[in-house]
Amino acid sequence: MAPYCFKPACSPHLAAKLAGTRISLKRIEIAYRRLSRKYDGIIVEGAGGVLVPLNAKETMLDLMVRLQLPVLLVARPGLGTINHTLLSLRVLAEAKLKVLGVVLNQTSPGRWGQIEEDNRRTIERMGNVKVLACIRIQRSPATRGRRDPKPWRRIP
């Protein structure tokens, strides 16, 4: 299921280099094709972003184009996300990949407020895409049980 697994939390090309190997898109494609013959649905999770390098010459986008799968773009909701999300959407459109939508995934604690809501609306309007869900960060098990706002919500 996972043709490559690396320990360090860094860009895939660097993680592979530190492990003494090179990521091959062909190897990933073979694993995907094998799984797709066995299962009705496959989710292929990217790592690091649309243009993150996988090796010295190829990016995550090259893998996406090779597999020709629809894309669910996951982005952080806070400051800076409008630019990075719209740029990613533009690159995906230029590559003629189908984008199913965007999920905003909160990765650090904090209030979900005016900035995050405006970012959601702006990404939808300017990116011509639907934000399908907003996922709030979860509290630690020690604080769970206190009245949390809904950790995720589907956008109508």
C-alpha atoms as a PDB file:
ATOM      1  CA  MET A   1       0.000   0.000   0.000  1.00  0.00           C
ATOM      2  CA  ALA A   2       2.829   2.415   0.712  1.00  0.00           C
ATOM      3  CA  PRO A   3       5.743   1.863  -1.662  1.00  0.00           C
ATOM      4  CA  TYR A   4       7.787   4.418   0.299  1.00  0.00           C
ATOM      5  CA  CYS A   5       7.821   5.151   4.037  1.00  0.00           C
ATOM      6  CA  PHE A   6      10.417   7.468   5.551  1.00  0.00           C
ATOM      7  CA  LYS A   7      11.119   8.453   9.125  1.00  0.00           C
ATOM      8  CA  PRO A   8      12.049  12.150   8.958  1.00  0.00           C
ATOM      9  CA  ALA A   9       9.262  14.711   8.570  1.00  0.00           C
ATOM     10  CA  CYS A  10      10.686  16.575   5.585  1.00  0.00           C
ATOM     11  CA  SER A  11      10.213  16.896   1.839  1.00  0.00           C
ATOM     12  CA  PRO A  12       9.915  13.472   0.165  1.00  0.00           C
ATOM     13  CA  HIS A  13      13.018  14.007  -1.989  1.00  0.00           C
ATOM     14  CA  LEU A  14      15.126  14.808   1.106  1.00  0.00           C
ATOM     15  CA  ALA A  15      13.633  11.976   3.154  1.00  0.00           C
ATOM     16  CA  ALA A  16      14.504   9.552   0.342  1.00  0.00           C
ATOM     17  CA  LYS A  17      18.019  10.957   0.060  1.00  0.00           C
ATOM     18  CA  LEU A  18      18.558  10.585   3.819  1.00  0.00           C
ATOM     19  CA  ALA A  19      17.350   6.975   3.536  1.00  0.00           C
ATOM     20  CA  GLY A  20      19.777   6.324   0.685  1.00  0.00           C
ATOM     21  CA  THR A  21      17.133   5.779  -1.980  1.00  0.00           C
ATOM     22  CA  ARG A  22      15.348   7.606  -4.810  1.00  0.00           C
ATOM     23  CA  ILE A  23      11.589   7.871  -5.267  1.00  0.00           C
ATOM     24  CA  SER A  24      10.423   6.340  -8.546  1.00  0.00           C
ATOM     25  CA  LEU A  25       7.068   7.427  -9.968  1.00  0.00           C
ATOM     26  CA  LYS A  26       6.953   4.151 -11.875  1.00  0.00           C
ATOM     27  CA  ARG A  27       7.138   2.193  -8.604  1.00  0.00           C
ATOM     28  CA  ILE A  28       4.284   4.261  -7.132  1.00  0.00           C
ATOM     29  CA  GLU A  29       2.204   3.784 -10.287  1.00  0.00           C
ATOM     30  CA  ILE A  30       2.746   0.007 -10.213  1.00  0.00           C
ATOM     31  CA  ALA A  31       1.609  -0.116  -6.563  1.00  0.00           C
ATOM     32  CA  TYR A  32      -1.449   2.001  -7.407  1.00  0.00           C
ATOM     33  CA  ARG A  33      -2.411  -0.168 -10.397  1.00  0.00           C
ATOM     34  CA  ARG A  34      -2.025  -3.333  -8.318  1.00  0.00           C
ATOM     35  CA  LEU A  35      -4.293  -1.924  -5.578  1.00  0.00           C
ATOM     36  CA  SER A  36      -6.852  -0.622  -8.089  1.00  0.00           C
ATOM     37  CA  ARG A  37      -7.310  -4.138  -9.467  1.00  0.00           C
ATOM     38  CA  LYS A  38      -8.089  -5.388  -5.953  1.00  0.00           C
ATOM     39  CA  TYR A  39     -10.209  -2.539  -4.509  1.00  0.00           C
ATOM     40  CA  ASP A  40     -13.097  -0.459  -5.827  1.00  0.00           C
ATOM     41  CA  GLY A  41     -11.751   2.806  -4.419  1.00  0.00           C
ATOM     42  CA  ILE A  42      -8.225   4.024  -3.727  1.00  0.00           C
ATOM     43  CA  ILE A  43      -7.179   7.234  -2.000  1.00  0.00           C
ATOM     44  CA  VAL A  44      -3.695   8.410  -2.926  1.00  0.00           C
ATOM     45  CA  GLU A  45      -2.362  10.855  -0.353  1.00  0.00           C
ATOM     46  CA  GLY A  46       0.200  13.379  -1.484  1.00  0.00           C
ATOM     47  CA  ALA A  47       2.900  14.772   0.757  1.00  0.00           C
ATOM     48  CA  GLY A  48       3.986  18.365   1.091  1.00  0.00           C
ATOM     49  CA  GLY A  49       2.060  20.095  -1.680  1.00  0.00           C
ATOM     50  CA  VAL A  50       1.491  20.112  -5.406  1.00  0.00           C
ATOM     51  CA  LEU A  51       5.002  21.199  -6.402  1.00  0.00           C
ATOM     52  CA  VAL A  52       7.015  19.437  -3.703  1.00  0.00           C
ATOM     53  CA  PRO A  53       9.895  17.467  -5.253  1.00  0.00           C
ATOM     54  CA  LEU A  54       9.781  13.685  -5.135  1.00  0.00           C
ATOM     55  CA  ASN A  55      13.229  13.279  -6.629  1.00  0.00           C
ATOM     56  CA  ALA A  56      15.759  15.494  -8.438  1.00  0.00           C
ATOM     57  CA  LYS A  57      13.488  16.017 -11.466  1.00  0.00           C
ATOM     58  CA  GLU A  58       9.872  15.143 -10.609  1.00  0.00           C
ATOM     59  CA  THR A  59       7.251  16.690  -8.336  1.00  0.00           C
ATOM     60  CA  MET A  60       4.014  15.589  -6.738  1.00  0.00           C
ATOM     61  CA  LEU A  61       2.279  17.199  -9.737  1.00  0.00           C
ATOM     62  CA  ASP A  62       4.116  14.809 -12.073  1.00  0.00           C
ATOM     63  CA  LEU A  63       2.723  11.900 -10.054  1.00  0.00           C
ATOM     64  CA  MET A  64      -0.785  13.390 -10.136  1.00  0.00           C
ATOM     65  CA  VAL A  65      -0.618  13.788 -13.915  1.00  0.00           C
ATOM     66  CA  ARG A  66       0.738  10.262 -14.313  1.00  0.00           C
ATOM     67  CA  LEU A  67      -2.100   8.713 -12.274  1.00  0.00           C
ATOM     68  CA  GLN A  68      -4.810  11.053 -13.676  1.00  0.00           C
ATOM     69  CA  LEU A  69      -6.838  10.953 -10.474  1.00  0.00           C
ATOM     70  CA  PRO A  70      -9.258  13.642  -9.311  1.00  0.00           C
ATOM     71  CA  VAL A  71      -7.723  15.913  -6.674  1.00  0.00           C
ATOM     72  CA  LEU A  72      -8.995  16.908  -3.238  1.00  0.00           C
ATOM     73  CA  LEU A  73      -6.771  19.817  -2.237  1.00  0.00           C
ATOM     74  CA  VAL A  74      -6.104  20.165   1.498  1.00  0.00           C
ATOM     75  CA  ALA A  75      -4.963  23.575   2.732  1.00  0.00           C
ATOM     76  CA  ARG A  76      -4.486  25.330   6.037  1.00  0.00           C
ATOM     77  CA  PRO A  77      -7.142  27.932   6.831  1.00  0.00           C
ATOM     78  CA  GLY A  78      -5.043  30.814   8.195  1.00  0.00           C
ATOM     79  CA  LEU A  79      -3.008  33.722   6.957  1.00  0.00           C
ATOM     80  CA  GLY A  80      -1.246  33.020   3.637  1.00  0.00           C
ATOM     81  CA  THR A  81      -3.587  30.291   2.487  1.00  0.00           C
ATOM     82  CA  ILE A  82      -5.348  32.349  -0.173  1.00  0.00           C
ATOM     83  CA  ASN A  83      -2.148  32.767  -2.174  1.00  0.00           C
ATOM     84  CA  HIS A  84      -0.861  29.234  -1.724  1.00  0.00           C
ATOM     85  CA  THR A  85      -4.252  27.623  -2.400  1.00  0.00           C
ATOM     86  CA  LEU A  86      -5.025  29.729  -5.481  1.00  0.00           C
ATOM     87  CA  LEU A  87      -1.543  29.035  -6.865  1.00  0.00           C
ATOM     88  CA  SER A  88      -2.037  25.306  -6.321  1.00  0.00           C
ATOM     89  CA  LEU A  89      -5.447  25.429  -8.003  1.00  0.00           C
ATOM     90  CA  ARG A  90      -3.955  27.283 -10.980  1.00  0.00           C
ATOM     91  CA  VAL A  91      -1.177  24.708 -11.401  1.00  0.00           C
ATOM     92  CA  LEU A  92      -3.691  21.853 -11.163  1.00  0.00           C
ATOM     93  CA  ALA A  93      -5.903  23.519 -13.798  1.00  0.00           C
ATOM     94  CA  GLU A  94      -2.926  24.062 -16.108  1.00  0.00           C
ATOM     95  CA  ALA A  95      -2.156  20.351 -15.763  1.00  0.00           C
ATOM     96  CA  LYS A  96      -5.797  19.647 -16.694  1.00  0.00           C
ATOM     97  CA  LEU A  97      -6.454  17.737 -13.473  1.00  0.00           C
ATOM     98  CA  LYS A  98      -9.984  17.595 -12.084  1.00  0.00           C
ATOM     99  CA  VAL A  99     -10.264  19.236  -8.660  1.00  0.00           C
ATOM    100  CA  LEU A 100     -13.116  17.850  -6.568  1.00  0.00           C
ATOM    101  CA  GLY A 101     -12.829  20.610  -3.985  1.00  0.00           C
ATOM    102  CA  VAL A 102     -10.806  22.009  -1.110  1.00  0.00           C
ATOM    103  CA  VAL A 103     -10.676  20.982   2.553  1.00  0.00           C
ATOM    104  CA  LEU A 104      -9.394  23.532   5.052  1.00  0.00           C
ATOM    105  CA  ASN A 105      -7.477  21.703   7.778  1.00  0.00           C
ATOM    106  CA  GLN A 106      -6.528  23.615  10.924  1.00  0.00           C
ATOM    107  CA  THR A 107      -3.071  22.463  12.061  1.00  0.00           C
ATOM    108  CA  SER A 108      -2.425  24.715  15.049  1.00  0.00           C
ATOM    109  CA  PRO A 109      -4.574  25.747  18.013  1.00  0.00           C
ATOM    110  CA  GLY A 110      -6.485  28.967  17.845  1.00  0.00           C
ATOM    111  CA  ARG A 111      -9.855  30.474  17.244  1.00  0.00           C
ATOM    112  CA  TRP A 112     -11.530  29.984  13.879  1.00  0.00           C
ATOM    113  CA  GLY A 113     -12.562  33.518  13.159  1.00  0.00           C
ATOM    114  CA  GLN A 114     -13.032  36.224  10.577  1.00  0.00           C
ATOM    115  CA  ILE A 115      -9.767  35.552   8.718  1.00  0.00           C
ATOM    116  CA  GLU A 116     -10.455  31.841   8.277  1.00  0.00           C
ATOM    117  CA  GLU A 117     -14.059  32.438   7.184  1.00  0.00           C
ATOM    118  CA  ASP A 118     -13.012  35.114   4.705  1.00  0.00           C
ATOM    119  CA  ASN A 119     -10.237  32.843   3.386  1.00  0.00           C
ATOM    120  CA  ARG A 120     -12.825  30.120   2.771  1.00  0.00           C
ATOM    121  CA  ARG A 121     -15.154  32.454   0.875  1.00  0.00           C
ATOM    122  CA  THR A 122     -12.296  34.027  -1.104  1.00  0.00           C
ATOM    123  CA  ILE A 123     -10.839  30.654  -2.131  1.00  0.00           C
ATOM    124  CA  GLU A 124     -14.275  29.530  -3.323  1.00  0.00           C
ATOM    125  CA  ARG A 125     -14.927  32.734  -5.271  1.00  0.00           C
ATOM    126  CA  MET A 126     -11.501  33.341  -6.798  1.00  0.00           C
ATOM    127  CA  GLY A 127     -10.580  29.672  -7.214  1.00  0.00           C
ATOM    128  CA  ASN A 128     -13.965  28.749  -8.661  1.00  0.00           C
ATOM    129  CA  VAL A 129     -14.009  25.745  -6.347  1.00  0.00           C
ATOM    130  CA  LYS A 130     -16.100  24.483  -3.449  1.00  0.00           C
ATOM    131  CA  VAL A 131     -14.618  24.254   0.046  1.00  0.00           C
ATOM    132  CA  LEU A 132     -16.102  20.909   1.032  1.00  0.00           C
ATOM    133  CA  ALA A 133     -15.177  20.901   4.724  1.00  0.00           C
ATOM    134  CA  CYS A 134     -13.357  22.815   7.436  1.00  0.00           C
ATOM    135  CA  ILE A 135     -11.577  20.585   9.937  1.00  0.00           C
ATOM    136  CA  ARG A 136     -10.812  22.138  13.312  1.00  0.00           C
ATOM    137  CA  ILE A 137      -7.844  21.047  15.401  1.00  0.00           C
ATOM    138  CA  GLN A 138      -8.724  18.521  18.106  1.00  0.00           C
ATOM    139  CA  ARG A 139      -7.987  19.107  21.768  1.00  0.00           C
ATOM    140  CA  SER A 140      -5.619  16.755  23.545  1.00  0.00           C
ATOM    141  CA  PRO A 141      -7.130  13.751  25.363  1.00  0.00           C
ATOM    142  CA  ALA A 142      -6.447  15.557  28.676  1.00  0.00           C
ATOM    143  CA  THR A 143      -8.815  18.399  27.761  1.00  0.00           C
ATOM    144  CA  ARG A 144     -11.311  16.374  25.755  1.00  0.00           C
ATOM    145  CA  GLY A 145     -14.760  16.264  27.299  1.00  0.00           C
ATOM    146  CA  ARG A 146     -14.886  19.998  27.801  1.00  0.00           C
ATOM    147  CA  ARG A 147     -17.422  21.595  25.520  1.00  0.00           C
ATOM    148  CA  ASP A 148     -15.596  21.770  22.195  1.00  0.00           C
ATOM    149  CA  PRO A 149     -17.076  23.480  19.196  1.00  0.00           C
ATOM    150  CA  LYS A 150     -17.801  21.040  16.393  1.00  0.00           C
ATOM    151  CA  PRO A 151     -14.333  19.810  15.242  1.00  0.00           C
ATOM    152  CA  TRP A 152     -15.354  19.742  11.595  1.00  0.00           C
ATOM    153  CA  ARG A 153     -18.260  20.850   9.545  1.00  0.00           C
ATOM    154  CA  ARG A 154     -19.563  20.327   6.059  1.00  0.00           C
ATOM    155  CA  ILE A 155     -19.992  23.574   4.190  1.00  0.00           C
ATOM    156  CA  PRO A 156     -23.543  23.920   2.807  1.00  0.00           C
END
